[in-house]
């Protein structure tokens, strides 16, 4: 096997290079999506492993669920977006108040 690698992209015409670039980007995107899905499953297993021990842990679970809902068409409706934003603010404020009171 030779150590001199041949750079094939330099020998391709513009259309072929574009096609190869698109195929590579699509493969990268699929790998990224699979990684995100794997991480989401890990997080959900962790969230389900034991009940929340504090309000802060419960709030983190609620925030995760709100993020999932926010990504849906229903979550994109202006009224729902406002409610989601307000809920995030409330959860953050209440958790910080709880932490400060400890």
N, C-alpha and C. Protein backbone atom coordinates (compact mmCIF):
# COMPACT_ATOMS: atom_id res chain seq x y z
N UNK A 1 0.85 -1.17 0.00
CA UNK A 1 0.00 0.00 0.00
C UNK A 1 0.89 1.23 0.00
N UNK A 2 0.53 2.18 -0.78
CA UNK A 2 1.34 3.38 -0.91
C UNK A 2 0.96 4.43 0.13
N UNK A 3 1.91 5.24 0.51
CA UNK A 3 1.64 6.33 1.45
C UNK A 3 1.24 7.59 0.71
N UNK A 4 1.37 7.61 -0.59
CA UNK A 4 0.99 8.77 -1.38
C UNK A 4 -0.49 8.66 -1.76
N UNK A 5 -1.31 9.42 -1.03
CA UNK A 5 -2.74 9.39 -1.29
C UNK A 5 -3.07 10.24 -2.51
N UNK A 6 -4.00 9.78 -3.28
CA UNK A 6 -4.44 10.52 -4.46
C UNK A 6 -5.66 11.34 -4.08
N UNK A 7 -5.60 12.63 -4.30
CA UNK A 7 -6.73 13.52 -4.03
C UNK A 7 -7.67 13.48 -5.23
N UNK A 8 -8.73 12.69 -5.10
CA UNK A 8 -9.65 12.50 -6.22
C UNK A 8 -10.50 13.73 -6.48
N UNK A 9 -10.83 14.50 -5.44
CA UNK A 9 -11.71 15.65 -5.63
C UNK A 9 -11.13 16.63 -6.64
N UNK A 10 -9.82 16.77 -6.69
CA UNK A 10 -9.19 17.69 -7.63
C UNK A 10 -9.33 17.24 -9.07
N UNK A 11 -9.62 15.96 -9.29
CA UNK A 11 -9.76 15.43 -10.64
C UNK A 11 -11.22 15.39 -11.11
N UNK A 12 -12.14 15.79 -10.23
CA UNK A 12 -13.56 15.74 -10.59
C UNK A 12 -13.99 17.08 -11.18
N UNK A 13 -15.00 17.00 -12.04
CA UNK A 13 -15.54 18.25 -12.56
C UNK A 13 -16.45 18.88 -11.50
N UNK A 14 -16.89 20.09 -11.75
CA UNK A 14 -17.66 20.86 -10.77
C UNK A 14 -18.94 20.14 -10.34
N UNK A 15 -19.67 19.57 -11.28
CA UNK A 15 -20.93 18.89 -10.95
C UNK A 15 -20.68 17.65 -10.10
N UNK A 16 -19.66 16.91 -10.45
CA UNK A 16 -19.34 15.70 -9.69
C UNK A 16 -18.89 16.05 -8.28
N UNK A 17 -18.08 17.11 -8.15
CA UNK A 17 -17.64 17.55 -6.82
C UNK A 17 -18.84 17.95 -5.96
N UNK A 18 -19.77 18.67 -6.58
CA UNK A 18 -20.96 19.09 -5.85
C UNK A 18 -21.75 17.87 -5.39
N UNK A 19 -21.92 16.90 -6.25
CA UNK A 19 -22.65 15.68 -5.92
C UNK A 19 -21.97 14.94 -4.76
N UNK A 20 -20.66 14.84 -4.82
CA UNK A 20 -19.90 14.17 -3.76
C UNK A 20 -20.03 14.95 -2.45
N UNK A 21 -19.94 16.28 -2.53
CA UNK A 21 -20.07 17.12 -1.33
C UNK A 21 -21.44 16.95 -0.70
N UNK A 22 -22.48 16.93 -1.51
CA UNK A 22 -23.84 16.75 -1.00
C UNK A 22 -23.96 15.39 -0.31
N UNK A 23 -23.45 14.35 -0.95
CA UNK A 23 -23.51 13.00 -0.36
C UNK A 23 -22.77 12.95 0.97
N UNK A 24 -21.60 13.58 1.03
CA UNK A 24 -20.82 13.60 2.28
C UNK A 24 -21.57 14.34 3.38
N UNK A 25 -22.13 15.50 3.03
CA UNK A 25 -22.87 16.29 4.03
C UNK A 25 -24.10 15.54 4.53
N UNK A 26 -24.77 14.83 3.63
CA UNK A 26 -25.93 14.04 4.04
C UNK A 26 -25.53 12.93 5.00
N UNK A 27 -24.39 12.30 4.74
CA UNK A 27 -23.89 11.25 5.63
C UNK A 27 -23.52 11.84 6.99
N UNK A 28 -22.88 13.00 6.99
CA UNK A 28 -22.51 13.66 8.24
C UNK A 28 -23.77 14.02 9.03
N UNK A 29 -24.79 14.52 8.34
CA UNK A 29 -26.03 14.89 8.99
C UNK A 29 -26.69 13.67 9.62
N UNK A 30 -26.71 12.56 8.91
CA UNK A 30 -27.31 11.35 9.46
C UNK A 30 -26.56 10.89 10.71
N UNK A 31 -25.25 10.94 10.67
CA UNK A 31 -24.45 10.55 11.84
C UNK A 31 -24.76 11.47 13.00
N UNK A 32 -24.85 12.78 12.73
CA UNK A 32 -25.17 13.75 13.78
C UNK A 32 -26.55 13.48 14.37
N UNK A 33 -27.53 13.18 13.52
CA UNK A 33 -28.89 12.90 14.00
C UNK A 33 -28.91 11.64 14.85
N UNK A 34 -28.17 10.63 14.46
CA UNK A 34 -28.11 9.40 15.25
C UNK A 34 -27.46 9.66 16.60
N UNK A 35 -26.44 10.51 16.62
CA UNK A 35 -25.78 10.86 17.88
C UNK A 35 -26.73 11.62 18.79
N UNK A 36 -27.48 12.57 18.23
CA UNK A 36 -28.45 13.33 19.01
C UNK A 36 -29.51 12.39 19.57
N UNK A 37 -30.01 11.48 18.75
CA UNK A 37 -31.01 10.52 19.20
C UNK A 37 -30.46 9.66 20.34
N UNK A 38 -29.23 9.22 20.21
CA UNK A 38 -28.60 8.41 21.26
C UNK A 38 -28.49 9.21 22.56
N UNK A 39 -28.06 10.46 22.46
CA UNK A 39 -27.94 11.31 23.65
C UNK A 39 -29.29 11.58 24.28
N UNK A 40 -30.32 11.78 23.44
CA UNK A 40 -31.67 12.00 23.95
C UNK A 40 -32.14 10.77 24.73
N UNK A 41 -31.89 9.58 24.19
CA UNK A 41 -32.28 8.35 24.87
C UNK A 41 -31.53 8.21 26.20
N UNK A 42 -30.25 8.55 26.23
CA UNK A 42 -29.49 8.50 27.48
C UNK A 42 -30.08 9.44 28.51
N UNK A 43 -30.40 10.67 28.09
CA UNK A 43 -30.99 11.65 29.01
C UNK A 43 -32.33 11.15 29.53
N UNK A 44 -33.16 10.60 28.67
CA UNK A 44 -34.46 10.12 29.09
C UNK A 44 -34.33 8.95 30.06
N UNK A 45 -33.36 8.07 29.82
CA UNK A 45 -33.13 6.96 30.78
C UNK A 45 -32.72 7.52 32.14
N UNK A 46 -31.87 8.54 32.14
CA UNK A 46 -31.44 9.16 33.38
C UNK A 46 -32.61 9.83 34.09
N UNK A 47 -33.44 10.55 33.35
CA UNK A 47 -34.59 11.22 33.95
C UNK A 47 -35.59 10.22 34.52
N UNK A 48 -35.69 9.06 33.89
CA UNK A 48 -36.64 8.04 34.33
C UNK A 48 -36.07 7.11 35.41
N UNK A 49 -34.77 7.17 35.64
CA UNK A 49 -34.12 6.19 36.52
C UNK A 49 -34.61 6.27 37.96
N UNK A 50 -34.83 7.46 38.46
CA UNK A 50 -35.33 7.65 39.82
C UNK A 50 -36.19 8.90 39.84
N UNK A 51 -37.12 8.96 40.79
CA UNK A 51 -37.93 10.17 40.90
C UNK A 51 -37.05 11.37 41.27
N UNK A 52 -37.52 12.55 40.91
CA UNK A 52 -36.78 13.76 41.24
C UNK A 52 -36.67 13.89 42.76
N UNK A 53 -35.49 14.24 43.22
CA UNK A 53 -35.25 14.39 44.66
C UNK A 53 -35.47 15.83 45.11
N UNK A 54 -35.45 16.76 44.16
CA UNK A 54 -35.62 18.17 44.50
C UNK A 54 -36.54 18.83 43.47
N UNK A 55 -37.00 20.01 43.80
CA UNK A 55 -37.80 20.78 42.84
C UNK A 55 -36.95 21.13 41.62
N UNK A 56 -35.67 21.36 41.85
CA UNK A 56 -34.77 21.70 40.74
C UNK A 56 -34.69 20.55 39.73
N UNK A 57 -34.58 19.32 40.22
CA UNK A 57 -34.55 18.16 39.32
C UNK A 57 -35.89 18.01 38.58
N UNK A 58 -36.99 18.23 39.28
CA UNK A 58 -38.31 18.17 38.64
C UNK A 58 -38.43 19.26 37.58
N UNK A 59 -37.89 20.43 37.87
CA UNK A 59 -37.93 21.54 36.90
C UNK A 59 -37.11 21.22 35.67
N UNK A 60 -35.97 20.55 35.83
CA UNK A 60 -35.15 20.18 34.68
C UNK A 60 -35.90 19.21 33.77
N UNK A 61 -36.63 18.27 34.37
CA UNK A 61 -37.43 17.34 33.58
C UNK A 61 -38.53 18.10 32.85
N UNK A 62 -39.19 19.01 33.55
CA UNK A 62 -40.25 19.81 32.93
C UNK A 62 -39.69 20.66 31.79
N UNK A 63 -38.52 21.23 31.97
CA UNK A 63 -37.91 22.04 30.92
C UNK A 63 -37.59 21.18 29.70
N UNK A 64 -37.11 19.99 29.92
CA UNK A 64 -36.83 19.08 28.80
C UNK A 64 -38.12 18.79 28.02
N UNK A 65 -39.19 18.49 28.74
CA UNK A 65 -40.46 18.20 28.08
C UNK A 65 -41.00 19.43 27.35
N UNK A 66 -40.82 20.60 27.94
CA UNK A 66 -41.25 21.84 27.27
C UNK A 66 -40.46 22.07 25.99
N UNK A 67 -39.16 21.74 26.02
CA UNK A 67 -38.35 21.88 24.81
C UNK A 67 -38.84 20.94 23.71
N UNK A 68 -39.20 19.72 24.08
CA UNK A 68 -39.74 18.78 23.10
C UNK A 68 -41.05 19.30 22.51
N UNK A 69 -41.92 19.81 23.39
CA UNK A 69 -43.20 20.34 22.92
C UNK A 69 -42.98 21.58 22.06
N UNK A 70 -42.02 22.43 22.42
CA UNK A 70 -41.76 23.65 21.66
C UNK A 70 -41.35 23.34 20.22
N UNK A 71 -40.80 22.17 19.98
CA UNK A 71 -40.34 21.79 18.64
C UNK A 71 -41.47 21.26 17.76
N UNK A 72 -42.65 21.10 18.33
CA UNK A 72 -43.79 20.58 17.56
C UNK A 72 -44.55 21.75 16.93
N UNK A 73 -45.39 21.46 15.93
CA UNK A 73 -46.21 22.54 15.34
C UNK A 73 -47.08 23.25 16.39
N UNK A 74 -47.68 22.49 17.29
CA UNK A 74 -48.52 23.12 18.32
C UNK A 74 -47.68 24.03 19.23
N UNK A 75 -46.47 23.61 19.51
CA UNK A 75 -45.58 24.41 20.35
C UNK A 75 -45.08 25.68 19.68
N UNK A 76 -45.25 25.76 18.37
CA UNK A 76 -44.82 26.94 17.61
C UNK A 76 -45.90 28.02 17.54
N UNK A 77 -47.11 27.70 17.97
CA UNK A 77 -48.18 28.70 17.97
C UNK A 77 -47.79 29.82 18.92
N UNK A 78 -48.04 31.06 18.54
CA UNK A 78 -47.61 32.20 19.36
C UNK A 78 -48.03 32.13 20.82
N UNK A 79 -49.27 31.75 21.08
CA UNK A 79 -49.73 31.65 22.47
C UNK A 79 -48.93 30.61 23.24
N UNK A 80 -48.70 29.47 22.61
CA UNK A 80 -47.94 28.41 23.27
C UNK A 80 -46.49 28.83 23.48
N UNK A 81 -45.91 29.49 22.49
CA UNK A 81 -44.53 29.96 22.63
C UNK A 81 -44.40 30.89 23.83
N UNK A 82 -45.38 31.79 23.99
CA UNK A 82 -45.36 32.70 25.13
C UNK A 82 -45.46 31.94 26.45
N UNK A 83 -46.36 30.94 26.49
CA UNK A 83 -46.51 30.13 27.70
C UNK A 83 -45.25 29.34 28.01
N UNK A 84 -44.63 28.81 26.98
CA UNK A 84 -43.38 28.05 27.18
C UNK A 84 -42.29 28.97 27.72
N UNK A 85 -42.15 30.15 27.10
CA UNK A 85 -41.14 31.10 27.58
C UNK A 85 -41.39 31.50 29.03
N UNK A 86 -42.65 31.78 29.35
CA UNK A 86 -43.00 32.15 30.72
C UNK A 86 -42.72 31.01 31.68
N UNK A 87 -43.03 29.78 31.26
CA UNK A 87 -42.78 28.62 32.11
C UNK A 87 -41.29 28.43 32.38
N UNK A 88 -40.46 28.61 31.35
CA UNK A 88 -39.01 28.52 31.55
C UNK A 88 -38.55 29.56 32.55
N UNK A 89 -39.03 30.78 32.39
CA UNK A 89 -38.65 31.85 33.32
C UNK A 89 -39.10 31.53 34.74
N UNK A 90 -40.34 31.04 34.88
CA UNK A 90 -40.86 30.70 36.20
C UNK A 90 -40.04 29.59 36.85
N UNK A 91 -39.77 28.54 36.08
CA UNK A 91 -39.00 27.42 36.64
C UNK A 91 -37.60 27.86 37.06
N UNK A 92 -36.96 28.67 36.23
CA UNK A 92 -35.62 29.16 36.56
C UNK A 92 -35.67 30.03 37.81
N UNK A 93 -36.63 30.96 37.86
CA UNK A 93 -36.75 31.86 39.02
C UNK A 93 -37.04 31.08 40.29
N UNK A 94 -38.00 30.18 40.24
CA UNK A 94 -38.38 29.42 41.43
C UNK A 94 -37.25 28.52 41.92
N UNK A 95 -36.52 27.93 40.99
CA UNK A 95 -35.37 27.09 41.38
C UNK A 95 -34.28 27.94 42.01
N UNK A 96 -34.06 29.13 41.45
CA UNK A 96 -33.05 30.02 42.03
C UNK A 96 -33.47 30.51 43.40
N UNK A 97 -34.78 30.79 43.56
CA UNK A 97 -35.30 31.20 44.88
C UNK A 97 -35.11 30.09 45.89
N UNK A 98 -35.39 28.85 45.47
CA UNK A 98 -35.24 27.70 46.36
C UNK A 98 -33.78 27.53 46.77
N UNK A 99 -32.89 27.70 45.79
CA UNK A 99 -31.45 27.55 46.03
C UNK A 99 -30.96 28.64 46.99
N UNK A 100 -31.45 29.86 46.81
CA UNK A 100 -31.03 30.98 47.66
C UNK A 100 -31.56 30.80 49.09
N UNK A 101 -32.72 30.16 49.23
CA UNK A 101 -33.30 29.94 50.54
C UNK A 101 -32.69 28.79 51.30
N UNK A 102 -31.87 28.00 50.64
CA UNK A 102 -31.27 26.82 51.29
C UNK A 102 -30.23 27.20 52.30
